[in-house]
Amino acid sequence: MGKYLKRDHDSEIEQRISDEIIVDCYDEYEELSGWYCHLEDRLSFPFEAVCEKKSQRSPLKVGEKVVAVGLADIDECGAKSYVL
């Protein structure tokens, strides 16, 4: 498990994350960048999504369906990942 972001996963998943996503990360920004690159490589846009939680950053309502067309800029995301 990364030392900069807390995750509640079992040890097998934590090891894979450590080996594949955040292997050479030395600080929080590098770890976030690792996650961003991992998502960029794995997600295929566009895709349909459903809003599951209300957020002050989003005008979406819970249950609203949208089409995600890309990842938000890494500098806009902070410790979370957002899609456009």
PDB file of N, CA and C in Angstrom:
ATOM      1  N   MET A   1       0.847  -1.179   0.000  1.00  0.00           N
ATOM      2  CA  MET A   1       0.000   0.000   0.000  1.00  0.00           C
ATOM      3  C   MET A   1       0.882   1.227   0.000  1.00  0.00           C
ATOM      4  N   GLY A   2       0.480   2.255  -0.731  1.00  0.00           N
ATOM      5  CA  GLY A   2       1.231   3.504  -0.757  1.00  0.00           C
ATOM      6  C   GLY A   2       1.206   4.177   0.595  1.00  0.00           C
ATOM      7  N   LYS A   3       2.315   4.792   0.940  1.00  0.00           N
ATOM      8  CA  LYS A   3       2.380   5.423   2.250  1.00  0.00           C
ATOM      9  C   LYS A   3       1.751   6.796   2.273  1.00  0.00           C
ATOM     10  N   TYR A   4       1.395   7.343   1.116  1.00  0.00           N
ATOM     11  CA  TYR A   4       0.857   8.694   1.065  1.00  0.00           C
ATOM     12  C   TYR A   4      -0.658   8.743   0.926  1.00  0.00           C
ATOM     13  N   LEU A   5      -1.250   7.712   0.367  1.00  0.00           N
ATOM     14  CA  LEU A   5      -2.703   7.636   0.236  1.00  0.00           C
ATOM     15  C   LEU A   5      -3.168   6.366   0.932  1.00  0.00           C
ATOM     16  N   LYS A   6      -4.164   6.469   1.786  1.00  0.00           N
ATOM     17  CA  LYS A   6      -4.668   5.306   2.510  1.00  0.00           C
ATOM     18  C   LYS A   6      -5.684   4.573   1.657  1.00  0.00           C
ATOM     19  N   ARG A   7      -5.602   3.256   1.641  1.00  0.00           N
ATOM     20  CA  ARG A   7      -6.522   2.426   0.876  1.00  0.00           C
ATOM     21  C   ARG A   7      -6.953   1.240   1.728  1.00  0.00           C
ATOM     22  N   ASP A   8      -8.189   0.842   1.574  1.00  0.00           N
ATOM     23  CA  ASP A   8      -8.711  -0.321   2.289  1.00  0.00           C
ATOM     24  C   ASP A   8      -8.860  -1.478   1.304  1.00  0.00           C
ATOM     25  N   HIS A   9      -7.759  -2.162   1.003  1.00  0.00           N
ATOM     26  CA  HIS A   9      -7.772  -3.301   0.083  1.00  0.00           C
ATOM     27  C   HIS A   9      -7.057  -4.469   0.753  1.00  0.00           C
ATOM     28  N   ASP A  10      -7.279  -5.645   0.228  1.00  0.00           N
ATOM     29  CA  ASP A  10      -6.576  -6.789   0.780  1.00  0.00           C
ATOM     30  C   ASP A  10      -5.119  -6.774   0.333  1.00  0.00           C
ATOM     31  N   SER A  11      -4.306  -7.602   0.932  1.00  0.00           N
ATOM     32  CA  SER A  11      -2.861  -7.556   0.717  1.00  0.00           C
ATOM     33  C   SER A  11      -2.453  -7.861  -0.718  1.00  0.00           C
ATOM     34  N   GLU A  12      -3.177  -8.721  -1.415  1.00  0.00           N
ATOM     35  CA  GLU A  12      -2.841  -9.035  -2.804  1.00  0.00           C
ATOM     36  C   GLU A  12      -3.009  -7.804  -3.694  1.00  0.00           C
ATOM     37  N   ILE A  13      -4.095  -7.107  -3.526  1.00  0.00           N
ATOM     38  CA  ILE A  13      -4.335  -5.893  -4.300  1.00  0.00           C
ATOM     39  C   ILE A  13      -3.317  -4.823  -3.923  1.00  0.00           C
ATOM     40  N   GLU A  14      -3.025  -4.691  -2.629  1.00  0.00           N
ATOM     41  CA  GLU A  14      -2.044  -3.711  -2.183  1.00  0.00           C
ATOM     42  C   GLU A  14      -0.680  -3.976  -2.803  1.00  0.00           C
ATOM     43  N   GLN A  15      -0.293  -5.224  -2.904  1.00  0.00           N
ATOM     44  CA  GLN A  15       1.002  -5.572  -3.496  1.00  0.00           C
ATOM     45  C   GLN A  15       1.022  -5.239  -4.981  1.00  0.00           C
ATOM     46  N   ARG A  16      -0.068  -5.527  -5.688  1.00  0.00           N
ATOM     47  CA  ARG A  16      -0.138  -5.213  -7.111  1.00  0.00           C
ATOM     48  C   ARG A  16      -0.063  -3.714  -7.323  1.00  0.00           C
ATOM     49  N   ILE A  17      -0.762  -2.967  -6.489  1.00  0.00           N
ATOM     50  CA  ILE A  17      -0.718  -1.507  -6.583  1.00  0.00           C
ATOM     51  C   ILE A  17       0.710  -1.022  -6.373  1.00  0.00           C
ATOM     52  N   SER A  18       1.344  -1.538  -5.359  1.00  0.00           N
ATOM     53  CA  SER A  18       2.709  -1.137  -5.054  1.00  0.00           C
ATOM     54  C   SER A  18       3.664  -1.491  -6.195  1.00  0.00           C
ATOM     55  N   ASP A  19       3.493  -2.680  -6.770  1.00  0.00           N
ATOM     56  CA  ASP A  19       4.380  -3.147  -7.835  1.00  0.00           C
ATOM     57  C   ASP A  19       4.139  -2.452  -9.168  1.00  0.00           C
ATOM     58  N   GLU A  20       2.883  -2.141  -9.485  1.00  0.00           N
ATOM     59  CA  GLU A  20       2.551  -1.638 -10.813  1.00  0.00           C
ATOM     60  C   GLU A  20       2.282  -0.145 -10.894  1.00  0.00           C
ATOM     61  N   ILE A  21       1.671   0.431  -9.888  1.00  0.00           N
ATOM     62  CA  ILE A  21       1.173   1.795 -10.014  1.00  0.00           C
ATOM     63  C   ILE A  21       2.068   2.817  -9.327  1.00  0.00           C
ATOM     64  N   ILE A  22       2.512   2.501  -8.134  1.00  0.00           N
ATOM     65  CA  ILE A  22       3.278   3.498  -7.379  1.00  0.00           C
ATOM     66  C   ILE A  22       4.683   3.010  -7.037  1.00  0.00           C
ATOM     67  N   VAL A  23       5.235   2.180  -7.899  1.00  0.00           N
ATOM     68  CA  VAL A  23       6.507   1.523  -7.626  1.00  0.00           C
ATOM     69  C   VAL A  23       7.653   2.497  -7.344  1.00  0.00           C
ATOM     70  N   ASP A  24       7.775   3.574  -8.066  1.00  0.00           N
ATOM     71  CA  ASP A  24       8.904   4.495  -7.903  1.00  0.00           C
ATOM     72  C   ASP A  24       8.491   5.855  -7.347  1.00  0.00           C
ATOM     73  N   CYS A  25       7.433   5.903  -6.584  1.00  0.00           N
ATOM     74  CA  CYS A  25       6.929   7.182  -6.080  1.00  0.00           C
ATOM     75  C   CYS A  25       7.625   7.566  -4.776  1.00  0.00           C
ATOM     76  N   TYR A  26       8.053   8.814  -4.728  1.00  0.00           N
ATOM     77  CA  TYR A  26       8.761   9.305  -3.548  1.00  0.00           C
ATOM     78  C   TYR A  26       7.974  10.349  -2.771  1.00  0.00           C
ATOM     79  N   ASP A  27       6.875  10.820  -3.322  1.00  0.00           N
ATOM     80  CA  ASP A  27       6.057  11.785  -2.596  1.00  0.00           C
ATOM     81  C   ASP A  27       4.611  11.660  -3.057  1.00  0.00           C
ATOM     82  N   GLU A  28       3.740  12.431  -2.440  1.00  0.00           N
ATOM     83  CA  GLU A  28       2.304  12.336  -2.719  1.00  0.00           C
ATOM     84  C   GLU A  28       1.977  12.673  -4.168  1.00  0.00           C
ATOM     85  N   TYR A  29       2.617  13.685  -4.732  1.00  0.00           N
ATOM     86  CA  TYR A  29       2.317  14.069  -6.108  1.00  0.00           C
ATOM     87  C   TYR A  29       2.708  12.964  -7.081  1.00  0.00           C
ATOM     88  N   GLU A  30       3.840  12.321  -6.861  1.00  0.00           N
ATOM     89  CA  GLU A  30       4.240  11.217  -7.733  1.00  0.00           C
ATOM     90  C   GLU A  30       3.267  10.045  -7.627  1.00  0.00           C
ATOM     91  N   GLU A  31       2.760   9.813  -6.427  1.00  0.00           N
ATOM     92  CA  GLU A  31       1.790   8.733  -6.244  1.00  0.00           C
ATOM     93  C   GLU A  31       0.486   9.068  -6.979  1.00  0.00           C
ATOM     94  N   LEU A  32       0.036  10.309  -6.858  1.00  0.00           N
ATOM     95  CA  LEU A  32      -1.157  10.735  -7.586  1.00  0.00           C
ATOM     96  C   LEU A  32      -0.946  10.618  -9.094  1.00  0.00           C
ATOM     97  N   SER A  33       0.236  10.984  -9.550  1.00  0.00           N
ATOM     98  CA  SER A  33       0.557  10.875 -10.978  1.00  0.00           C
ATOM     99  C   SER A  33       0.533   9.424 -11.430  1.00  0.00           C
ATOM    100  N   GLY A  34       1.032   8.525 -10.592  1.00  0.00           N
ATOM    101  CA  GLY A  34       0.994   7.098 -10.907  1.00  0.00           C
ATOM    102  C   GLY A  34      -0.427   6.600 -11.080  1.00  0.00           C
ATOM    103  N   TRP A  35      -1.299   7.012 -10.170  1.00  0.00           N
ATOM    104  CA  TRP A  35      -2.709   6.626 -10.283  1.00  0.00           C
ATOM    105  C   TRP A  35      -3.344   7.225 -11.527  1.00  0.00           C
ATOM    106  N   TYR A  36      -3.035   8.487 -11.816  1.00  0.00           N
ATOM    107  CA  TYR A  36      -3.601   9.163 -12.982  1.00  0.00           C
ATOM    108  C   TYR A  36      -3.196   8.420 -14.263  1.00  0.00           C
ATOM    109  N   CYS A  37      -1.931   8.099 -14.379  1.00  0.00           N
ATOM    110  CA  CYS A  37      -1.443   7.374 -15.566  1.00  0.00           C
ATOM    111  C   CYS A  37      -2.077   5.988 -15.664  1.00  0.00           C
ATOM    112  N   HIS A  38      -2.230   5.324 -14.530  1.00  0.00           N
ATOM    113  CA  HIS A  38      -2.862   4.003 -14.519  1.00  0.00           C
ATOM    114  C   HIS A  38      -4.297   4.087 -15.044  1.00  0.00           C
ATOM    115  N   LEU A  39      -5.054   5.063 -14.555  1.00  0.00           N
ATOM    116  CA  LEU A  39      -6.434   5.231 -15.017  1.00  0.00           C
ATOM    117  C   LEU A  39      -6.482   5.610 -16.485  1.00  0.00           C
ATOM    118  N   GLU A  40      -5.575   6.479 -16.904  1.00  0.00           N
ATOM    119  CA  GLU A  40      -5.515   6.906 -18.304  1.00  0.00           C
ATOM    120  C   GLU A  40      -5.264   5.712 -19.223  1.00  0.00           C
ATOM    121  N   ASP A  41      -4.426   4.780 -18.783  1.00  0.00           N
ATOM    122  CA  ASP A  41      -4.114   3.584 -19.570  1.00  0.00           C
ATOM    123  C   ASP A  41      -5.249   2.568 -19.572  1.00  0.00           C
ATOM    124  N   ARG A  42      -6.014   2.487 -18.494  1.00  0.00           N
ATOM    125  CA  ARG A  42      -7.007   1.429 -18.328  1.00  0.00           C
ATOM    126  C   ARG A  42      -8.425   1.798 -18.751  1.00  0.00           C
ATOM    127  N   LEU A  43      -8.773   3.078 -18.649  1.00  0.00           N
ATOM    128  CA  LEU A  43     -10.145   3.477 -18.981  1.00  0.00           C
ATOM    129  C   LEU A  43     -10.290   3.737 -20.469  1.00  0.00           C
ATOM    130  N   SER A  44     -11.406   3.334 -21.015  1.00  0.00           N
ATOM    131  CA  SER A  44     -11.712   3.575 -22.431  1.00  0.00           C
ATOM    132  C   SER A  44     -12.858   4.575 -22.508  1.00  0.00           C
ATOM    133  N   PHE A  45     -12.571   5.731 -23.019  1.00  0.00           N
ATOM    134  CA  PHE A  45     -13.575   6.784 -23.153  1.00  0.00           C
ATOM    135  C   PHE A  45     -14.126   6.785 -24.563  1.00  0.00           C
ATOM    136  N   PRO A  46     -15.361   7.169 -24.753  1.00  0.00           N
ATOM    137  CA  PRO A  46     -16.349   7.538 -23.742  1.00  0.00           C
ATOM    138  C   PRO A  46     -16.988   6.301 -23.120  1.00  0.00           C
ATOM    139  N   PHE A  47     -17.559   6.483 -21.922  1.00  0.00           N
ATOM    140  CA  PHE A  47     -18.343   5.431 -21.297  1.00  0.00           C
ATOM    141  C   PHE A  47     -19.467   6.067 -20.490  1.00  0.00           C
ATOM    142  N   GLU A  48     -20.515   5.284 -20.276  1.00  0.00           N
ATOM    143  CA  GLU A  48     -21.652   5.766 -19.497  1.00  0.00           C
ATOM    144  C   GLU A  48     -21.347   5.603 -18.016  1.00  0.00           C
ATOM    145  N   ALA A  49     -21.794   6.577 -17.227  1.00  0.00           N
ATOM    146  CA  ALA A  49     -21.585   6.546 -15.784  1.00  0.00           C
ATOM    147  C   ALA A  49     -22.839   7.047 -15.085  1.00  0.00           C
ATOM    148  N   VAL A  50     -22.958   6.696 -13.819  1.00  0.00           N
ATOM    149  CA  VAL A  50     -24.075   7.146 -12.998  1.00  0.00           C
ATOM    150  C   VAL A  50     -23.498   7.827 -11.761  1.00  0.00           C
ATOM    151  N   CYS A  51     -24.008   9.002 -11.462  1.00  0.00           N
ATOM    152  CA  CYS A  51     -23.582   9.731 -10.270  1.00  0.00           C
ATOM    153  C   CYS A  51     -24.040   8.963  -9.033  1.00  0.00           C
ATOM    154  N   GLU A  52     -23.105   8.609  -8.168  1.00  0.00           N
ATOM    155  CA  GLU A  52     -23.447   7.852  -6.970  1.00  0.00           C
ATOM    156  C   GLU A  52     -23.431   8.684  -5.702  1.00  0.00           C
ATOM    157  N   LYS A  53     -22.793   9.866  -5.751  1.00  0.00           N
ATOM    158  CA  LYS A  53     -22.674  10.675  -4.554  1.00  0.00           C
ATOM    159  C   LYS A  53     -22.669  12.151  -4.923  1.00  0.00           C
ATOM    160  N   LYS A  54     -23.402  12.952  -4.202  1.00  0.00           N
ATOM    161  CA  LYS A  54     -23.448  14.389  -4.430  1.00  0.00           C
ATOM    162  C   LYS A  54     -22.095  15.002  -4.088  1.00  0.00           C
ATOM    163  N   SER A  55     -21.655  15.928  -4.916  1.00  0.00           N
ATOM    164  CA  SER A  55     -20.387  16.619  -4.707  1.00  0.00           C
ATOM    165  C   SER A  55     -20.571  18.109  -4.947  1.00  0.00           C
ATOM    166  N   GLN A  56     -19.903  18.920  -4.150  1.00  0.00           N
ATOM    167  CA  GLN A  56     -19.965  20.364  -4.350  1.00  0.00           C
ATOM    168  C   GLN A  56     -19.292  20.777  -5.657  1.00  0.00           C
ATOM    169  N   ARG A  57     -18.403  19.943  -6.174  1.00  0.00           N
ATOM    170  CA  ARG A  57     -17.675  20.250  -7.399  1.00  0.00           C
ATOM    171  C   ARG A  57     -18.464  19.907  -8.655  1.00  0.00           C
ATOM    172  N   SER A  58     -19.593  19.242  -8.490  1.00  0.00           N
ATOM    173  CA  SER A  58     -20.341  18.767  -9.648  1.00  0.00           C
ATOM    174  C   SER A  58     -21.808  19.185  -9.580  1.00  0.00           C
ATOM    175  N   PRO A  59     -22.380  19.530 -10.716  1.00  0.00           N
ATOM    176  CA  PRO A  59     -23.814  19.850 -10.744  1.00  0.00           C
ATOM    177  C   PRO A  59     -24.699  18.610 -10.824  1.00  0.00           C
ATOM    178  N   LEU A  60     -24.105  17.434 -10.924  1.00  0.00           N
ATOM    179  CA  LEU A  60     -24.888  16.200 -11.078  1.00  0.00           C
ATOM    180  C   LEU A  60     -25.669  15.867  -9.821  1.00  0.00           C
ATOM    181  N   LYS A  61     -26.814  15.225 -10.044  1.00  0.00           N
ATOM    182  CA  LYS A  61     -27.638  14.724  -8.959  1.00  0.00           C
ATOM    183  C   LYS A  61     -27.430  13.216  -8.843  1.00  0.00           C
ATOM    184  N   VAL A  62     -27.587  12.687  -7.650  1.00  0.00           N
ATOM    185  CA  VAL A  62     -27.456  11.246  -7.435  1.00  0.00           C
ATOM    186  C   VAL A  62     -28.424  10.519  -8.352  1.00  0.00           C
ATOM    187  N   GLY A  63     -27.911   9.517  -9.062  1.00  0.00           N
ATOM    188  CA  GLY A  63     -28.717   8.738  -9.992  1.00  0.00           C
ATOM    189  C   GLY A  63     -28.690   9.257 -11.420  1.00  0.00           C
ATOM    190  N   GLU A  64     -28.171  10.446 -11.620  1.00  0.00           N
ATOM    191  CA  GLU A  64     -28.123  11.030 -12.968  1.00  0.00           C
ATOM    192  C   GLU A  64     -27.101  10.289 -13.832  1.00  0.00           C
ATOM    193  N   LYS A  65     -27.502   9.987 -15.072  1.00  0.00           N
ATOM    194  CA  LYS A  65     -26.630   9.286 -16.009  1.00  0.00           C
ATOM    195  C   LYS A  65     -25.922  10.294 -16.911  1.00  0.00           C
ATOM    196  N   VAL A  66     -24.644  10.034 -17.165  1.00  0.00           N
ATOM    197  CA  VAL A  66     -23.837  10.913 -18.008  1.00  0.00           C
ATOM    198  C   VAL A  66     -22.911  10.065 -18.872  1.00  0.00           C
ATOM    199  N   VAL A  67     -22.259  10.702 -19.825  1.00  0.00           N
ATOM    200  CA  VAL A  67     -21.217  10.062 -20.621  1.00  0.00           C
ATOM    201  C   VAL A  67     -19.895  10.715 -20.249  1.00  0.00           C
ATOM    202  N   ALA A  68     -18.981   9.913 -19.709  1.00  0.00           N
ATOM    203  CA  ALA A  68     -17.644  10.401 -19.371  1.00  0.00           C
ATOM    204  C   ALA A  68     -16.806  10.396 -20.640  1.00  0.00           C
ATOM    205  N   VAL A  69     -16.151  11.522 -20.933  1.00  0.00           N
ATOM    206  CA  VAL A  69     -15.402  11.640 -22.189  1.00  0.00           C
ATOM    207  C   VAL A  69     -13.894  11.728 -21.987  1.00  0.00           C
ATOM    208  N   GLY A  70     -13.438  11.817 -20.750  1.00  0.00           N
ATOM    209  CA  GLY A  70     -12.009  11.878 -20.481  1.00  0.00           C
ATOM    210  C   GLY A  70     -11.752  12.139 -19.012  1.00  0.00           C
ATOM    211  N   LEU A  71     -10.488  12.050 -18.622  1.00  0.00           N
ATOM    212  CA  LEU A  71     -10.100  12.368 -17.254  1.00  0.00           C
ATOM    213  C   LEU A  71      -9.930  13.869 -17.107  1.00  0.00           C
ATOM    214  N   ALA A  72     -10.324  14.389 -15.953  1.00  0.00           N
ATOM    215  CA  ALA A  72     -10.057  15.793 -15.655  1.00  0.00           C
ATOM    216  C   ALA A  72      -8.551  15.961 -15.498  1.00  0.00           C
ATOM    217  N   ASP A  73      -8.062  17.174 -15.699  1.00  0.00           N
ATOM    218  CA  ASP A  73      -6.643  17.464 -15.553  1.00  0.00           C
ATOM    219  C   ASP A  73      -6.167  17.068 -14.156  1.00  0.00           C
ATOM    220  N   ILE A  74      -5.007  16.472 -14.077  1.00  0.00           N
ATOM    221  CA  ILE A  74      -4.484  15.980 -12.803  1.00  0.00           C
ATOM    222  C   ILE A  74      -4.383  17.080 -11.754  1.00  0.00           C
ATOM    223  N   ASP A  75      -4.061  18.285 -12.168  1.00  0.00           N
ATOM    224  CA  ASP A  75      -3.924  19.387 -11.221  1.00  0.00           C
ATOM    225  C   ASP A  75      -5.269  19.853 -10.674  1.00  0.00           C
ATOM    226  N   GLU A  76      -6.361  19.503 -11.342  1.00  0.00           N
ATOM    227  CA  GLU A  76      -7.698  19.834 -10.869  1.00  0.00           C
ATOM    228  C   GLU A  76      -8.254  18.792  -9.915  1.00  0.00           C
ATOM    229  N   CYS A  77      -7.677  17.598  -9.943  1.00  0.00           N
ATOM    230  CA  CYS A  77      -8.240  16.483  -9.188  1.00  0.00           C
ATOM    231  C   CYS A  77      -7.819  16.439  -7.721  1.00  0.00           C
ATOM    232  N   GLY A  78      -6.602  16.782  -7.415  1.00  0.00           N
ATOM    233  CA  GLY A  78      -6.121  16.619  -6.045  1.00  0.00           C
ATOM    234  C   GLY A  78      -5.994  15.137  -5.733  1.00  0.00           C
ATOM    235  N   ALA A  79      -6.450  14.725  -4.561  1.00  0.00           N
ATOM    236  CA  ALA A  79      -6.309  13.334  -4.130  1.00  0.00           C
ATOM    237  C   ALA A  79      -7.397  12.423  -4.670  1.00  0.00           C
ATOM    238  N   LYS A  80      -8.291  12.960  -5.496  1.00  0.00           N
ATOM    239  CA  LYS A  80      -9.363  12.161  -6.097  1.00  0.00           C
ATOM    240  C   LYS A  80      -9.214  12.187  -7.610  1.00  0.00           C
ATOM    241  N   SER A  81      -9.933  11.328  -8.269  1.00  0.00           N
ATOM    242  CA  SER A  81      -9.938  11.302  -9.725  1.00  0.00           C
ATOM    243  C   SER A  81     -11.324  11.706 -10.215  1.00  0.00           C
ATOM    244  N   TYR A  82     -11.349  12.571 -11.200  1.00  0.00           N
ATOM    245  CA  TYR A  82     -12.604  13.037 -11.779  1.00  0.00           C
ATOM    246  C   TYR A  82     -12.581  12.838 -13.272  1.00  0.00           C
ATOM    247  N   VAL A  83     -13.756  12.629 -13.836  1.00  0.00           N
ATOM    248  CA  VAL A  83     -13.879  12.517 -15.287  1.00  0.00           C
ATOM    249  C   VAL A  83     -14.650  13.714 -15.811  1.00  0.00           C
ATOM    250  N   LEU A  84     -14.476  13.973 -17.090  1.00  0.00           N
ATOM    251  CA  LEU A  84     -15.211  15.052 -17.757  1.00  0.00           C
ATOM    252  C   LEU A  84     -16.451  14.488 -18.407  1.00  0.00           C
TER     253      LEU A  84
END
